[in-house]
C-alpha atoms as a PDB file:
ATOM      1  CA  MET A   1      11.517  43.136  29.500  1.00  0.00           C
ATOM      2  CA  ASN A   2      12.088  40.291  31.985  1.00  0.00           C
ATOM      3  CA  GLY A   3      10.042  42.074  34.647  1.00  0.00           C
ATOM      4  CA  LEU A   4       6.830  42.075  32.602  1.00  0.00           C
ATOM      5  CA  PRO A   5       4.048  39.620  33.478  1.00  0.00           C
ATOM      6  CA  ALA A   6       3.908  36.416  31.433  1.00  0.00           C
ATOM      7  CA  GLU A   7       1.614  36.174  28.401  1.00  0.00           C
ATOM      8  CA  PRO A   8      -1.324  36.459  27.913  1.00  0.00           C
ATOM      9  CA  ARG A   9      -1.456  39.157  30.566  1.00  0.00           C
ATOM     10  CA  VAL A  10       0.447  41.560  28.307  1.00  0.00           C
ATOM     11  CA  ILE A  11      -0.597  42.767  24.856  1.00  0.00           C
ATOM     12  CA  HIS A  12       2.237  44.027  22.624  1.00  0.00           C
ATOM     13  CA  ILE A  13       1.027  46.758  20.243  1.00  0.00           C
ATOM     14  CA  ILE A  14       3.083  47.920  17.232  1.00  0.00           C
ATOM     15  CA  THR A  15       2.055  51.188  15.527  1.00  0.00           C
ATOM     16  CA  ASN A  16       3.160  53.794  12.992  1.00  0.00           C
ATOM     17  CA  LEU A  17       5.364  51.560  10.870  1.00  0.00           C
ATOM     18  CA  SER A  18       7.347  53.730   8.471  1.00  0.00           C
ATOM     19  CA  TYR A  19      10.088  52.517   6.108  1.00  0.00           C
ATOM     20  CA  ALA A  20      12.061  54.118   3.293  1.00  0.00           C
ATOM     21  CA  ILE A  21      12.737  51.607   0.519  1.00  0.00           C
ATOM     22  CA  THR A  22      15.726  51.955  -1.801  1.00  0.00           C
ATOM     23  CA  GLY A  23      16.029  49.023  -4.185  1.00  0.00           C
ATOM     24  CA  HIS A  24      16.495  45.877  -2.105  1.00  0.00           C
ATOM     25  CA  THR A  25      17.151  47.662   1.204  1.00  0.00           C
ATOM     26  CA  ALA A  26      14.882  49.488   3.614  1.00  0.00           C
ATOM     27  CA  SER A  27      15.306  51.463   6.824  1.00  0.00           C
ATOM     28  CA  GLY A  28      12.784  52.806   9.291  1.00  0.00           C
ATOM     29  CA  GLY A  29      10.924  51.629  12.325  1.00  0.00           C
ATOM     30  CA  ALA A  30       7.800  51.593  14.434  1.00  0.00           C
ATOM     31  CA  TYR A  31       6.516  52.388  17.897  1.00  0.00           C
ATOM     32  CA  GLY A  32       5.668  49.691  20.428  1.00  0.00           C
ATOM     33  CA  GLN A  33       3.833  49.427  23.734  1.00  0.00           C
ATOM     34  CA  ASP A  34       3.239  46.618  26.209  1.00  0.00           C
ATOM     35  CA  ILE A  35      -0.187  46.964  27.815  1.00  0.00           C
ATOM     36  CA  GLY A  36      -0.915  45.016  31.002  1.00  0.00           C
ATOM     37  CA  ILE A  37      -4.397  43.492  31.168  1.00  0.00           C
ATOM     38  CA  GLY A  38      -4.171  41.524  34.414  1.00  0.00           C
ATOM     39  CA  ASP A  39      -3.303  42.435  37.980  1.00  0.00           C
ATOM     40  CA  LYS A  40      -0.908  45.094  36.701  1.00  0.00           C
ATOM     41  CA  HIS A  41      -2.722  47.066  34.015  1.00  0.00           C
ATOM     42  CA  GLY A  42      -1.902  50.074  31.875  1.00  0.00           C
ATOM     43  CA  VAL A  43       1.216  50.875  29.852  1.00  0.00           C
ATOM     44  CA  LEU A  44       4.053  48.735  31.229  1.00  0.00           C
ATOM     45  CA  ALA A  45       6.646  49.570  28.582  1.00  0.00           C
ATOM     46  CA  ALA A  46       6.924  51.820  25.530  1.00  0.00           C
ATOM     47  CA  GLY A  47       9.567  52.614  22.981  1.00  0.00           C
ATOM     48  CA  HIS A  48      10.438  52.307  19.341  1.00  0.00           C
ATOM     49  CA  TYR A  49      12.256  50.075  16.874  1.00  0.00           C
ATOM     50  CA  VAL A  50      15.065  51.179  14.547  1.00  0.00           C
ATOM     51  CA  ASP A  51      15.250  48.698  11.665  1.00  0.00           C
ATOM     52  CA  SER A  52      17.377  47.865   8.639  1.00  0.00           C
ATOM     53  CA  LEU A  53      15.992  45.317   6.173  1.00  0.00           C
ATOM     54  CA  ARG A  54      17.118  43.610   2.972  1.00  0.00           C
ATOM     55  CA  LYS A  55      14.994  41.886   0.330  1.00  0.00           C
ATOM     56  CA  VAL A  56      16.143  38.280  -0.186  1.00  0.00           C
ATOM     57  CA  ASN A  57      14.430  36.003  -2.703  1.00  0.00           C
ATOM     58  CA  GLY A  58      11.405  38.303  -2.768  1.00  0.00           C
ATOM     59  CA  ASN A  59      11.014  38.449   1.040  1.00  0.00           C
ATOM     60  CA  TRP A  60      12.003  41.253   3.413  1.00  0.00           C
ATOM     61  CA  ARG A  61      14.430  40.122   6.135  1.00  0.00           C
ATOM     62  CA  PHE A  62      15.717  42.023   9.146  1.00  0.00           C
ATOM     63  CA  VAL A  63      19.411  42.829   8.928  1.00  0.00           C
ATOM     64  CA  ARG A  64      19.364  44.742  12.213  1.00  0.00           C
ATOM     65  CA  ARG A  65      16.742  45.681  14.797  1.00  0.00           C
ATOM     66  CA  GLU A  66      17.436  48.028  17.690  1.00  0.00           C
ATOM     67  CA  ILE A  67      14.825  48.290  20.429  1.00  0.00           C
ATOM     68  CA  VAL A  68      14.859  51.627  22.231  1.00  0.00           C
ATOM     69  CA  ILE A  69      12.963  51.422  25.540  1.00  0.00           C
ATOM     70  CA  GLN A  70      11.655  54.852  26.562  1.00  0.00           C
ATOM     71  CA  LEU A  71       9.409  53.727  29.429  1.00  0.00           C
ATOM     72  CA  GLN A  72       9.511  50.556  31.478  1.00  0.00           C
ATOM     73  CA  ASP A  73       7.311  50.338  34.546  1.00  0.00           C
ATOM     74  CA  THR A  74       8.744  47.268  36.286  1.00  0.00           C
ATOM     75  CA  PRO A  75      10.937  46.806  39.370  1.00  0.00           C
ATOM     76  CA  ARG A  76      13.717  45.228  37.272  1.00  0.00           C
ATOM     77  CA  ALA A  77      13.873  48.295  34.996  1.00  0.00           C
ATOM     78  CA  ARG A  78      15.704  50.416  37.563  1.00  0.00           C
ATOM     79  CA  GLY A  79      19.351  50.835  36.660  1.00  0.00           C
ATOM     80  CA  ARG A  80      19.042  49.337  33.166  1.00  0.00           C
ATOM     81  CA  PRO A  81      20.200  51.149  30.028  1.00  0.00           C
ATOM     82  CA  SER A  82      17.444  52.647  27.893  1.00  0.00           C
ATOM     83  CA  VAL A  83      18.766  51.165  24.636  1.00  0.00           C
ATOM     84  CA  THR A  84      18.843  47.397  24.100  1.00  0.00           C
ATOM     85  CA  PRO A  85      20.220  46.386  20.677  1.00  0.00           C
ATOM     86  CA  LYS A  86      18.708  43.247  19.154  1.00  0.00           C
ATOM     87  CA  ARG A  87      20.161  41.532  16.116  1.00  0.00           C
ATOM     88  CA  ARG A  88      18.421  38.993  13.893  1.00  0.00           C
END
């Protein structure tokens, strides 16, 4: 994502959150898009999240988050892998 313009020229939109909850654990994800609103406008990046969560002291916490980039319209995107794992 390093090739994207600096904020606030990009709006990050998260949609279609869907999680299956089993006791104190949950798994699921959401879709995400980065929309350019400045000199470079339109969809700059799109993909989805694959999440695992655990409930700790009444609050949901990320155990793992994988970000799967399916579209990245930046010069730095060429030659990069499409899956970037992120851990929290």
